[in-house]
């Protein structure tokens, strides 16, 4: 299955069905606002229950130090040796033993052959960069623990998510007051617009089935 076929057979029908369901829901909500105004407004208020994420993320805000205790002079010789040797060996194997160069074979999809080759090469060089960095960290553990400690202190800056998410902890309901002030007009508007969407999506779905 090609990418365009996947979009045509999976993505587009899924979007059509989602819009169809949303249109039907909009028609029902609009009809409820017109025919049973108070019950519809109570349903809207009940669905607008506010759930704060702060309590959910509080356990994640606890700092945990998993670094092993350094030896004399801040050195960690065993761990540093393992990291440095492992990184160097991995770089050697990736550069010397792993080759993704492939010649083009007639009959193979050119786009797929090119994209798969690019993905494999990109993955290889990402692993090479990561392994070289690991080797460097291991050498710093052995010969320059003070510089490694300063680098770790700079990289381990603590960012608290409540400060970043503070703006999202406030409810913004610009439409509800207008709907409550004019429920029937809002109901007719929602129902009419949703009906057009429902008819259009149903027509597209029927056309695709035939």
N, C-alpha and C. Protein backbone atom coordinates (compact mmCIF):
# COMPACT_ATOMS: atom_id res chain seq x y z
N UNK A 1 0.85 -1.19 0.00
CA UNK A 1 0.00 0.00 0.00
C UNK A 1 0.88 1.25 0.00
N UNK A 2 0.71 2.09 -1.01
CA UNK A 2 1.50 3.31 -1.09
C UNK A 2 0.94 4.36 -0.14
N UNK A 3 1.69 5.46 0.02
CA UNK A 3 1.28 6.52 0.92
C UNK A 3 -0.02 7.17 0.46
N UNK A 4 -0.14 7.42 -0.84
CA UNK A 4 -1.37 8.04 -1.36
C UNK A 4 -2.56 7.10 -1.21
N UNK A 5 -2.33 5.81 -1.40
CA UNK A 5 -3.41 4.85 -1.21
C UNK A 5 -3.85 4.80 0.25
N UNK A 6 -2.89 4.88 1.17
CA UNK A 6 -3.21 4.89 2.60
C UNK A 6 -4.07 6.10 2.96
N UNK A 7 -3.70 7.26 2.40
CA UNK A 7 -4.50 8.47 2.66
C UNK A 7 -5.91 8.31 2.10
N UNK A 8 -6.01 7.74 0.89
CA UNK A 8 -7.32 7.62 0.23
C UNK A 8 -8.21 6.60 0.92
N UNK A 9 -7.63 5.51 1.41
CA UNK A 9 -8.44 4.43 1.96
C UNK A 9 -8.63 4.51 3.47
N UNK A 10 -7.73 5.19 4.18
CA UNK A 10 -7.80 5.21 5.65
C UNK A 10 -8.04 6.61 6.19
N UNK A 11 -7.17 7.56 5.82
CA UNK A 11 -7.24 8.89 6.41
C UNK A 11 -8.52 9.62 6.02
N UNK A 12 -8.81 9.67 4.71
CA UNK A 12 -9.98 10.43 4.25
C UNK A 12 -11.28 9.83 4.79
N UNK A 13 -11.52 8.49 4.73
CA UNK A 13 -12.75 7.96 5.33
C UNK A 13 -12.86 8.24 6.82
N UNK A 14 -11.72 8.16 7.55
CA UNK A 14 -11.76 8.44 8.98
C UNK A 14 -12.15 9.88 9.25
N UNK A 15 -11.59 10.83 8.49
CA UNK A 15 -11.95 12.24 8.66
C UNK A 15 -13.42 12.47 8.33
N UNK A 16 -13.90 11.83 7.27
CA UNK A 16 -15.31 11.97 6.89
C UNK A 16 -16.23 11.45 7.99
N UNK A 17 -15.90 10.29 8.56
CA UNK A 17 -16.72 9.72 9.63
C UNK A 17 -16.68 10.59 10.88
N UNK A 18 -15.52 11.16 11.21
CA UNK A 18 -15.42 12.04 12.38
C UNK A 18 -16.28 13.28 12.18
N UNK A 19 -16.19 13.88 10.99
CA UNK A 19 -17.01 15.06 10.71
C UNK A 19 -18.50 14.72 10.67
N UNK A 20 -18.83 13.54 10.17
CA UNK A 20 -20.23 13.11 10.16
C UNK A 20 -20.76 12.96 11.59
N UNK A 21 -19.96 12.32 12.45
CA UNK A 21 -20.37 12.16 13.85
C UNK A 21 -20.49 13.52 14.53
N UNK A 22 -19.53 14.42 14.25
CA UNK A 22 -19.60 15.75 14.84
C UNK A 22 -20.81 16.52 14.34
N UNK A 23 -21.16 16.37 13.06
CA UNK A 23 -22.33 17.04 12.53
C UNK A 23 -23.61 16.54 13.17
N UNK A 24 -23.72 15.22 13.35
CA UNK A 24 -24.91 14.66 14.00
C UNK A 24 -25.01 15.15 15.44
N UNK A 25 -23.84 15.17 16.14
CA UNK A 25 -23.84 15.68 17.51
C UNK A 25 -24.24 17.14 17.57
N UNK A 26 -23.78 17.94 16.60
CA UNK A 26 -24.16 19.34 16.55
C UNK A 26 -25.65 19.53 16.31
N UNK A 27 -26.22 18.70 15.43
CA UNK A 27 -27.67 18.78 15.16
C UNK A 27 -28.45 18.45 16.44
N UNK A 28 -28.01 17.40 17.16
CA UNK A 28 -28.70 17.02 18.40
C UNK A 28 -28.58 18.11 19.46
N UNK A 29 -27.37 18.71 19.59
CA UNK A 29 -27.20 19.77 20.57
C UNK A 29 -28.03 21.00 20.21
N UNK A 30 -28.00 21.39 18.94
CA UNK A 30 -28.81 22.53 18.51
C UNK A 30 -30.29 22.29 18.72
N UNK A 31 -30.77 21.07 18.39
CA UNK A 31 -32.18 20.75 18.61
C UNK A 31 -32.55 20.78 20.08
N UNK A 32 -31.62 20.29 20.93
CA UNK A 32 -31.88 20.32 22.37
C UNK A 32 -31.95 21.75 22.89
N UNK A 33 -31.09 22.63 22.38
CA UNK A 33 -31.15 24.04 22.80
C UNK A 33 -32.47 24.70 22.39
N UNK A 34 -33.02 24.29 21.26
CA UNK A 34 -34.28 24.88 20.78
C UNK A 34 -35.48 24.28 21.52
N UNK A 35 -35.50 22.95 21.68
CA UNK A 35 -36.68 22.28 22.22
C UNK A 35 -36.63 22.12 23.74
N UNK A 36 -35.46 21.82 24.27
CA UNK A 36 -35.32 21.62 25.72
C UNK A 36 -34.16 22.47 26.21
N UNK A 37 -34.41 23.75 26.28
CA UNK A 37 -33.34 24.72 26.53
C UNK A 37 -32.67 24.50 27.88
N UNK A 38 -33.43 24.41 28.94
CA UNK A 38 -32.84 24.30 30.27
C UNK A 38 -32.04 23.02 30.44
N UNK A 39 -32.56 21.90 29.95
CA UNK A 39 -31.83 20.63 30.05
C UNK A 39 -30.53 20.68 29.26
N UNK A 40 -30.56 21.32 28.07
CA UNK A 40 -29.34 21.44 27.27
C UNK A 40 -28.31 22.32 27.97
N UNK A 41 -28.74 23.42 28.58
CA UNK A 41 -27.79 24.29 29.30
C UNK A 41 -27.20 23.58 30.51
N UNK A 42 -28.00 22.77 31.22
CA UNK A 42 -27.46 22.00 32.34
C UNK A 42 -26.44 20.98 31.86
N UNK A 43 -26.71 20.37 30.70
CA UNK A 43 -25.75 19.41 30.13
C UNK A 43 -24.43 20.10 29.78
N UNK A 44 -24.51 21.30 29.21
CA UNK A 44 -23.30 22.05 28.86
C UNK A 44 -22.52 22.40 30.11
N UNK A 45 -23.20 22.84 31.18
CA UNK A 45 -22.50 23.18 32.43
C UNK A 45 -21.84 21.94 33.03
N UNK A 46 -22.53 20.81 32.96
CA UNK A 46 -21.97 19.57 33.52
C UNK A 46 -20.75 19.11 32.73
N UNK A 47 -20.78 19.29 31.42
CA UNK A 47 -19.64 18.89 30.60
C UNK A 47 -18.45 19.82 30.74
N UNK A 48 -18.68 21.03 31.27
CA UNK A 48 -17.59 21.99 31.46
C UNK A 48 -16.91 21.84 32.82
N UNK A 49 -16.95 20.65 33.39
CA UNK A 49 -16.27 20.40 34.66
C UNK A 49 -14.77 20.60 34.50
N UNK A 50 -14.17 21.35 35.43
CA UNK A 50 -12.76 21.68 35.33
C UNK A 50 -11.93 20.64 36.07
N UNK A 51 -10.97 20.05 35.40
CA UNK A 51 -10.06 19.07 35.99
C UNK A 51 -8.65 19.62 35.89
N UNK A 52 -8.03 19.90 37.03
CA UNK A 52 -6.69 20.48 37.04
C UNK A 52 -5.64 19.39 36.87
N UNK A 53 -4.61 19.70 36.09
CA UNK A 53 -3.52 18.74 35.87
C UNK A 53 -2.43 18.82 36.92
N UNK A 54 -2.50 19.79 37.82
CA UNK A 54 -1.41 19.96 38.79
C UNK A 54 -1.27 18.74 39.71
N UNK A 55 -2.41 18.24 40.20
CA UNK A 55 -2.34 17.08 41.10
C UNK A 55 -1.84 15.84 40.37
N UNK A 56 -2.14 15.75 39.09
CA UNK A 56 -1.68 14.59 38.32
C UNK A 56 -0.17 14.61 38.15
N UNK A 57 0.40 15.82 37.94
CA UNK A 57 1.84 15.94 37.67
C UNK A 57 2.68 16.19 38.92
N UNK A 58 2.05 16.31 40.09
CA UNK A 58 2.82 16.55 41.32
C UNK A 58 3.87 15.47 41.59
N UNK A 59 3.56 14.16 41.42
CA UNK A 59 4.60 13.15 41.66
C UNK A 59 5.79 13.27 40.72
N UNK A 60 5.56 13.83 39.52
CA UNK A 60 6.65 13.98 38.57
C UNK A 60 7.55 15.16 38.90
N UNK A 61 7.11 16.01 39.84
CA UNK A 61 7.88 17.20 40.19
C UNK A 61 8.95 16.91 41.25
N UNK A 62 9.02 15.66 41.74
CA UNK A 62 10.01 15.30 42.75
C UNK A 62 11.32 14.96 42.06
N UNK A 63 12.40 15.56 42.53
CA UNK A 63 13.71 15.31 41.92
C UNK A 63 14.31 14.02 42.47
N UNK A 64 14.89 13.23 41.57
CA UNK A 64 15.54 11.97 41.94
C UNK A 64 16.95 11.98 41.37
N UNK A 65 17.93 11.80 42.21
CA UNK A 65 19.32 11.76 41.78
C UNK A 65 19.74 10.30 41.64
N UNK A 66 20.00 9.86 40.42
CA UNK A 66 20.36 8.47 40.17
C UNK A 66 21.84 8.33 39.83
N UNK A 67 22.62 9.41 39.94
CA UNK A 67 24.05 9.33 39.64
C UNK A 67 24.77 8.56 40.74
N UNK A 68 25.70 7.66 40.37
CA UNK A 68 26.48 6.96 41.40
C UNK A 68 27.43 7.91 42.10
N UNK A 69 27.82 7.56 43.32
CA UNK A 69 28.72 8.40 44.09
C UNK A 69 30.11 8.40 43.45
N UNK A 70 30.73 9.57 43.25
CA UNK A 70 32.07 9.61 42.64
C UNK A 70 33.14 9.14 43.62
N UNK A 71 34.26 8.72 43.04
CA UNK A 71 35.37 8.29 43.86
C UNK A 71 36.24 9.45 44.27
N UNK A 72 37.46 9.20 44.75
CA UNK A 72 38.37 10.28 45.15
C UNK A 72 38.66 11.22 43.99
N UNK A 73 38.58 12.52 44.26
CA UNK A 73 38.81 13.51 43.22
C UNK A 73 37.65 13.65 42.26
N UNK A 74 36.52 13.05 42.57
CA UNK A 74 35.36 13.14 41.69
C UNK A 74 35.37 12.16 40.55
N UNK A 75 36.37 11.28 40.49
CA UNK A 75 36.48 10.36 39.36
C UNK A 75 35.60 9.13 39.57
N UNK A 76 35.14 8.59 38.46
CA UNK A 76 34.39 7.34 38.46
C UNK A 76 35.07 6.43 37.44
N UNK A 77 36.18 5.80 37.83
CA UNK A 77 37.02 5.11 36.84
C UNK A 77 36.34 3.93 36.15
N UNK A 78 35.60 3.12 36.90
CA UNK A 78 34.99 1.93 36.29
C UNK A 78 33.92 2.34 35.29
N UNK A 79 33.01 3.21 35.73
CA UNK A 79 31.95 3.66 34.84
C UNK A 79 32.51 4.44 33.65
N UNK A 80 33.50 5.31 33.92
CA UNK A 80 34.11 6.08 32.84
C UNK A 80 34.78 5.20 31.81
N UNK A 81 35.48 4.16 32.27
CA UNK A 81 36.15 3.25 31.34
C UNK A 81 35.14 2.50 30.48
N UNK A 82 34.07 2.02 31.12
CA UNK A 82 33.06 1.28 30.37
C UNK A 82 32.38 2.17 29.32
N UNK A 83 32.05 3.40 29.71
CA UNK A 83 31.38 4.31 28.79
C UNK A 83 32.29 4.69 27.63
N UNK A 84 33.56 5.01 27.94
CA UNK A 84 34.50 5.42 26.90
C UNK A 84 34.78 4.28 25.92
N UNK A 85 35.07 3.09 26.45
CA UNK A 85 35.36 1.94 25.58
C UNK A 85 34.12 1.55 24.78
N UNK A 86 32.96 1.52 25.42
CA UNK A 86 31.73 1.17 24.72
C UNK A 86 31.41 2.15 23.61
N UNK A 87 31.58 3.45 23.88
CA UNK A 87 31.33 4.45 22.85
C UNK A 87 32.30 4.33 21.68
N UNK A 88 33.59 4.11 21.98
CA UNK A 88 34.59 3.99 20.92
C UNK A 88 34.33 2.75 20.06
N UNK A 89 34.01 1.63 20.70
CA UNK A 89 33.75 0.40 19.94
C UNK A 89 32.51 0.56 19.07
N UNK A 90 31.49 1.21 19.60
CA UNK A 90 30.26 1.42 18.83
C UNK A 90 30.52 2.30 17.62
N UNK A 91 31.30 3.38 17.80
CA UNK A 91 31.64 4.25 16.67
C UNK A 91 32.39 3.46 15.60
N UNK A 92 33.34 2.62 16.01
CA UNK A 92 34.11 1.82 15.06
C UNK A 92 33.20 0.86 14.28
N UNK A 93 32.31 0.17 15.00
CA UNK A 93 31.43 -0.78 14.33
C UNK A 93 30.47 -0.08 13.37
N UNK A 94 29.97 1.08 13.78
CA UNK A 94 29.03 1.79 12.92
C UNK A 94 29.71 2.31 11.65
N UNK A 95 30.93 2.83 11.78
CA UNK A 95 31.60 3.41 10.63
C UNK A 95 32.24 2.38 9.72
N UNK A 96 32.76 1.31 10.30
CA UNK A 96 33.53 0.34 9.51
C UNK A 96 32.68 -0.86 9.08
N UNK A 97 31.87 -1.36 10.00
CA UNK A 97 31.16 -2.60 9.74
C UNK A 97 29.73 -2.43 9.21
N UNK A 98 29.16 -1.25 9.40
CA UNK A 98 27.77 -1.05 9.00
C UNK A 98 27.71 -0.16 7.78
N UNK A 99 27.28 -0.72 6.66
CA UNK A 99 27.22 0.02 5.41
C UNK A 99 25.83 -0.15 4.79
N UNK A 100 25.13 0.98 4.62
CA UNK A 100 23.78 0.95 4.07
C UNK A 100 23.75 1.32 2.59
N UNK A 101 24.92 1.42 1.95
CA UNK A 101 24.96 1.78 0.54
C UNK A 101 24.36 0.66 -0.30
N UNK A 102 23.34 1.00 -1.07
CA UNK A 102 22.66 0.01 -1.89
C UNK A 102 22.52 0.53 -3.31
N UNK A 103 22.79 -0.31 -4.27
CA UNK A 103 22.59 0.07 -5.66
C UNK A 103 21.12 -0.12 -6.03
N UNK A 104 20.67 0.72 -6.93
CA UNK A 104 19.26 0.66 -7.34
C UNK A 104 19.01 -0.56 -8.21
N UNK A 105 17.92 -1.26 -7.90
CA UNK A 105 17.52 -2.44 -8.67
C UNK A 105 16.30 -2.07 -9.50
N UNK A 106 16.32 -2.28 -10.82
CA UNK A 106 15.15 -1.96 -11.66
C UNK A 106 13.90 -2.69 -11.16
N UNK A 107 12.81 -1.98 -11.16
CA UNK A 107 11.54 -2.54 -10.70
C UNK A 107 11.18 -2.14 -9.30
N UNK A 108 12.13 -1.62 -8.53
CA UNK A 108 11.87 -1.17 -7.16
C UNK A 108 11.38 0.27 -7.20
N UNK A 109 10.40 0.58 -6.37
CA UNK A 109 9.88 1.93 -6.30
C UNK A 109 10.99 2.90 -5.94
N UNK A 110 11.24 3.89 -6.80
CA UNK A 110 12.37 4.81 -6.61
C UNK A 110 12.19 5.64 -5.35
N UNK A 111 10.98 6.13 -5.11
CA UNK A 111 10.74 6.97 -3.93
C UNK A 111 10.98 6.19 -2.65
N UNK A 112 10.44 4.97 -2.58
CA UNK A 112 10.64 4.15 -1.38
C UNK A 112 12.11 3.79 -1.20
N UNK A 113 12.81 3.46 -2.29
CA UNK A 113 14.23 3.12 -2.19
C UNK A 113 15.03 4.32 -1.69
N UNK A 114 14.73 5.52 -2.19
CA UNK A 114 15.47 6.71 -1.78
C UNK A 114 15.18 7.07 -0.32
N UNK A 115 13.89 7.06 0.07
CA UNK A 115 13.54 7.45 1.42
C UNK A 115 14.05 6.46 2.45
N UNK A 116 14.00 5.17 2.15
CA UNK A 116 14.52 4.18 3.09
C UNK A 116 16.03 4.32 3.24
N UNK A 117 16.73 4.61 2.14
CA UNK A 117 18.17 4.83 2.23
C UNK A 117 18.52 6.05 3.06
N UNK A 118 17.78 7.14 2.87
CA UNK A 118 18.02 8.34 3.66
C UNK A 118 17.74 8.09 5.13
N UNK A 119 16.63 7.37 5.45
CA UNK A 119 16.30 7.09 6.84
C UNK A 119 17.37 6.24 7.52
N UNK A 120 17.86 5.22 6.80
CA UNK A 120 18.90 4.36 7.38
C UNK A 120 20.20 5.12 7.61
N UNK A 121 20.61 5.94 6.64
CA UNK A 121 21.83 6.71 6.80
C UNK A 121 21.70 7.73 7.93
N UNK A 122 20.53 8.38 8.03
CA UNK A 122 20.31 9.35 9.11
C UNK A 122 20.37 8.67 10.47
N UNK A 123 19.76 7.48 10.57
CA UNK A 123 19.81 6.73 11.83
C UNK A 123 21.23 6.34 12.18
N UNK A 124 22.00 5.93 11.18
CA UNK A 124 23.39 5.54 11.42
C UNK A 124 24.20 6.70 11.98
N UNK A 125 24.08 7.89 11.38
CA UNK A 125 24.90 9.02 11.82
C UNK A 125 24.41 9.59 13.15
N UNK A 126 23.13 9.45 13.45
CA UNK A 126 22.65 9.82 14.78
C UNK A 126 23.28 8.92 15.84
N UNK A 127 23.33 7.61 15.55
CA UNK A 127 23.97 6.67 16.48
C UNK A 127 25.46 6.94 16.61
N UNK A 128 26.10 7.31 15.50
CA UNK A 128 27.53 7.65 15.56
C UNK A 128 27.76 8.86 16.45
N UNK A 129 26.95 9.90 16.27
CA UNK A 129 27.10 11.10 17.10
C UNK A 129 26.85 10.80 18.57
N UNK A 130 25.81 10.00 18.87
CA UNK A 130 25.53 9.64 20.25
C UNK A 130 26.64 8.81 20.87
N UNK A 131 27.20 7.87 20.11
CA UNK A 131 28.28 7.04 20.64
C UNK A 131 29.55 7.86 20.86
N UNK A 132 29.85 8.78 19.94
CA UNK A 132 31.02 9.65 20.12
C UNK A 132 30.86 10.53 21.35
N UNK A 133 29.65 11.03 21.58
CA UNK A 133 29.40 11.84 22.77
C UNK A 133 29.56 11.00 24.04
N UNK A 134 29.09 9.74 24.00
CA UNK A 134 29.26 8.86 25.16
C UNK A 134 30.74 8.61 25.43
N UNK A 135 31.52 8.42 24.37
CA UNK A 135 32.96 8.23 24.54
C UNK A 135 33.60 9.46 25.18
N UNK A 136 33.19 10.65 24.75
CA UNK A 136 33.71 11.89 25.32
C UNK A 136 33.35 12.01 26.80
N UNK A 137 32.12 11.66 27.15
CA UNK A 137 31.71 11.70 28.55
C UNK A 137 32.55 10.74 29.39
N UNK A 138 32.80 9.54 28.86
CA UNK A 138 33.64 8.59 29.58
C UNK A 138 35.04 9.12 29.81
N UNK A 139 35.63 9.77 28.81
CA UNK A 139 36.96 10.35 28.97
C UNK A 139 36.96 11.47 30.00
N UNK A 140 35.89 12.26 30.01
CA UNK A 140 35.79 13.32 31.03
C UNK A 140 35.68 12.73 32.42
N UNK A 141 34.98 11.61 32.57
CA UNK A 141 34.90 10.95 33.86
C UNK A 141 36.27 10.52 34.36
N UNK A 142 37.12 10.12 33.42
CA UNK A 142 38.44 9.62 33.80
C UNK A 142 39.46 10.74 34.04
N UNK A 143 39.48 11.75 33.18
CA UNK A 143 40.57 12.71 33.19
C UNK A 143 40.17 14.13 33.56
N UNK A 144 38.88 14.48 33.45
CA UNK A 144 38.47 15.86 33.78
C UNK A 144 37.13 15.84 34.49
N UNK A 145 37.06 15.25 35.70
CA UNK A 145 35.78 15.15 36.40
C UNK A 145 35.19 16.51 36.77
N UNK A 146 36.04 17.52 37.00
CA UNK A 146 35.53 18.84 37.37
C UNK A 146 34.75 19.46 36.20
N UNK A 147 35.29 19.33 34.98
CA UNK A 147 34.58 19.86 33.81
C UNK A 147 33.27 19.10 33.57
N UNK A 148 33.29 17.79 33.78
CA UNK A 148 32.07 17.02 33.62
C UNK A 148 31.03 17.43 34.65
N UNK A 149 31.47 17.66 35.89
CA UNK A 149 30.53 18.10 36.93
C UNK A 149 29.92 19.45 36.58
N UNK A 150 30.74 20.38 36.06
CA UNK A 150 30.20 21.69 35.66
C UNK A 150 29.22 21.53 34.50
N UNK A 151 29.53 20.65 33.55
CA UNK A 151 28.62 20.41 32.42
C UNK A 151 27.30 19.80 32.89
N UNK A 152 27.39 18.84 33.83
CA UNK A 152 26.18 18.22 34.35
C UNK A 152 25.32 19.22 35.11
N UNK A 153 25.98 20.10 35.87
CA UNK A 153 25.23 21.12 36.61
C UNK A 153 24.48 22.04 35.66
N UNK A 154 25.14 22.41 34.55
CA UNK A 154 24.50 23.29 33.58
C UNK A 154 23.35 22.59 32.86
N UNK A 155 23.53 21.31 32.53
CA UNK A 155 22.50 20.59 31.79
C UNK A 155 21.36 20.12 32.68
N UNK A 156 21.60 19.99 33.98
CA UNK A 156 20.58 19.51 34.91
C UNK A 156 19.75 20.65 35.50
N UNK A 157 19.56 21.72 34.76
CA UNK A 157 18.73 22.81 35.24
C UNK A 157 17.30 22.31 35.45
N UNK A 158 16.70 22.74 36.54
CA UNK A 158 15.38 22.25 36.91
C UNK A 158 14.31 23.19 36.40
N UNK A 159 13.38 22.65 35.61
CA UNK A 159 12.26 23.42 35.10
C UNK A 159 10.98 22.80 35.64
N UNK A 160 10.22 23.58 36.37
CA UNK A 160 8.99 23.08 36.98
C UNK A 160 7.83 23.28 36.01
N UNK A 161 7.08 22.21 35.76
CA UNK A 161 5.98 22.29 34.81
C UNK A 161 4.82 23.18 35.27
N UNK A 162 4.52 23.29 36.59
CA UNK A 162 3.42 24.19 36.96
C UNK A 162 3.64 25.63 36.51
N UNK A 163 4.90 26.09 36.54
CA UNK A 163 5.16 27.45 36.07
C UNK A 163 4.94 27.57 34.56
N UNK A 164 5.30 26.51 33.83
CA UNK A 164 5.11 26.55 32.38
C UNK A 164 3.64 26.41 32.00
N UNK A 165 2.87 25.66 32.81
CA UNK A 165 1.47 25.40 32.49
C UNK A 165 0.52 26.31 33.25
N UNK A 166 1.04 27.36 33.88
CA UNK A 166 0.18 28.22 34.68
C UNK A 166 -0.91 28.88 33.83
N UNK A 167 -0.56 29.23 32.60
CA UNK A 167 -1.55 29.89 31.73
C UNK A 167 -2.70 28.96 31.36
N UNK A 168 -2.44 27.64 31.37
CA UNK A 168 -3.48 26.69 31.00
C UNK A 168 -4.37 26.31 32.17
N UNK A 169 -4.09 26.82 33.36
CA UNK A 169 -4.87 26.47 34.53
C UNK A 169 -6.06 27.40 34.74
N UNK A 170 -6.41 28.18 33.74
CA UNK A 170 -7.55 29.08 33.83
C UNK A 170 -8.57 28.70 32.76
N UNK A 171 -9.82 28.73 33.16
CA UNK A 171 -10.88 28.40 32.21
C UNK A 171 -11.24 29.63 31.38
N UNK A 172 -11.37 29.40 30.09
CA UNK A 172 -11.79 30.47 29.17
C UNK A 172 -13.04 29.98 28.45
N UNK A 173 -14.16 30.60 28.75
CA UNK A 173 -15.45 30.19 28.18
C UNK A 173 -16.10 31.38 27.48
N UNK A 174 -15.58 31.76 26.31
CA UNK A 174 -16.12 32.96 25.66
C UNK A 174 -17.50 32.76 25.03
N UNK A 175 -17.86 31.50 24.68
CA UNK A 175 -19.11 31.27 23.97
C UNK A 175 -20.28 30.96 24.90
N UNK A 176 -20.02 30.35 26.06
CA UNK A 176 -21.12 29.93 26.93
C UNK A 176 -22.02 31.08 27.36
N UNK A 177 -21.50 32.26 27.78
CA UNK A 177 -22.42 33.35 28.16
C UNK A 177 -23.34 33.77 27.03
N UNK A 178 -22.82 33.78 25.79
CA UNK A 178 -23.66 34.16 24.65
C UNK A 178 -24.73 33.10 24.36
N UNK A 179 -24.36 31.82 24.51
CA UNK A 179 -25.33 30.76 24.30
C UNK A 179 -26.42 30.82 25.37
N UNK A 180 -26.01 31.04 26.63
CA UNK A 180 -26.99 31.13 27.70
C UNK A 180 -27.89 32.35 27.54
N UNK A 181 -27.35 33.43 26.98
CA UNK A 181 -28.17 34.64 26.80
C UNK A 181 -29.17 34.46 25.66
N UNK A 182 -28.78 33.71 24.61
CA UNK A 182 -29.67 33.51 23.46
C UNK A 182 -29.65 32.02 23.08
N UNK A 183 -30.22 31.16 23.91
CA UNK A 183 -30.11 29.72 23.67
C UNK A 183 -30.81 29.25 22.40
N UNK A 184 -31.99 29.77 22.11
CA UNK A 184 -32.71 29.30 20.93
C UNK A 184 -32.03 29.75 19.63
N UNK A 185 -31.59 30.99 19.58
CA UNK A 185 -30.88 31.46 18.39
C UNK A 185 -29.59 30.66 18.18
N UNK A 186 -28.88 30.42 19.29
CA UNK A 186 -27.65 29.62 19.19
C UNK A 186 -27.98 28.20 18.75
N UNK A 187 -29.09 27.66 19.26
CA UNK A 187 -29.48 26.31 18.88
C UNK A 187 -29.79 26.20 17.40
N UNK A 188 -30.55 27.17 16.87
CA UNK A 188 -30.85 27.15 15.44
C UNK A 188 -29.57 27.28 14.60
N UNK A 189 -28.66 28.14 15.03
CA UNK A 189 -27.40 28.33 14.29
C UNK A 189 -26.58 27.05 14.28
N UNK A 190 -26.43 26.44 15.48
CA UNK A 190 -25.63 25.21 15.58
C UNK A 190 -26.28 24.09 14.78
N UNK A 191 -27.59 23.94 14.92
CA UNK A 191 -28.28 22.85 14.22
C UNK A 191 -28.20 23.01 12.71
N UNK A 192 -28.39 24.25 12.22
CA UNK A 192 -28.36 24.48 10.77
C UNK A 192 -26.97 24.20 10.20
N UNK A 193 -25.95 24.77 10.84
CA UNK A 193 -24.57 24.55 10.35
C UNK A 193 -24.20 23.08 10.42
N UNK A 194 -24.57 22.40 11.51
CA UNK A 194 -24.25 20.98 11.66
C UNK A 194 -25.01 20.13 10.65
N UNK A 195 -26.23 20.56 10.32
CA UNK A 195 -27.01 19.80 9.33
C UNK A 195 -26.35 19.85 7.96
N UNK A 196 -25.83 21.02 7.58
CA UNK A 196 -25.11 21.14 6.31
C UNK A 196 -23.88 20.22 6.30
N UNK A 197 -23.14 20.22 7.42
CA UNK A 197 -21.96 19.35 7.51
C UNK A 197 -22.36 17.88 7.42
N UNK A 198 -23.43 17.51 8.11
CA UNK A 198 -23.88 16.12 8.10
C UNK A 198 -24.29 15.67 6.70
N UNK A 199 -25.06 16.51 6.01
CA UNK A 199 -25.49 16.16 4.65
C UNK A 199 -24.30 16.04 3.71
N UNK A 200 -23.36 16.98 3.82
CA UNK A 200 -22.19 16.95 2.94
C UNK A 200 -21.35 15.69 3.19
N UNK A 201 -21.09 15.36 4.47
CA UNK A 201 -20.27 14.20 4.78
C UNK A 201 -20.99 12.90 4.42
N UNK A 202 -22.31 12.85 4.64
CA UNK A 202 -23.06 11.66 4.25
C UNK A 202 -23.03 11.47 2.73
N UNK A 203 -23.12 12.59 1.99
CA UNK A 203 -23.03 12.49 0.54
C UNK A 203 -21.67 11.99 0.08
N UNK A 204 -20.60 12.49 0.71
CA UNK A 204 -19.27 12.01 0.36
C UNK A 204 -19.09 10.53 0.68
N UNK A 205 -19.63 10.10 1.83
CA UNK A 205 -19.49 8.71 2.22
C UNK A 205 -20.26 7.79 1.27
N UNK A 206 -21.48 8.20 0.88
CA UNK A 206 -22.27 7.40 -0.07
C UNK A 206 -21.58 7.34 -1.43
N UNK A 207 -21.02 8.48 -1.88
CA UNK A 207 -20.33 8.52 -3.17
C UNK A 207 -19.11 7.59 -3.16
N UNK A 208 -18.39 7.51 -2.04
CA UNK A 208 -17.22 6.64 -1.97
C UNK A 208 -17.62 5.18 -1.96
N UNK A 209 -18.76 4.86 -1.35
CA UNK A 209 -19.21 3.47 -1.31
C UNK A 209 -19.65 2.99 -2.67
N UNK A 210 -20.13 3.90 -3.52
CA UNK A 210 -20.58 3.51 -4.85
C UNK A 210 -19.47 3.71 -5.87
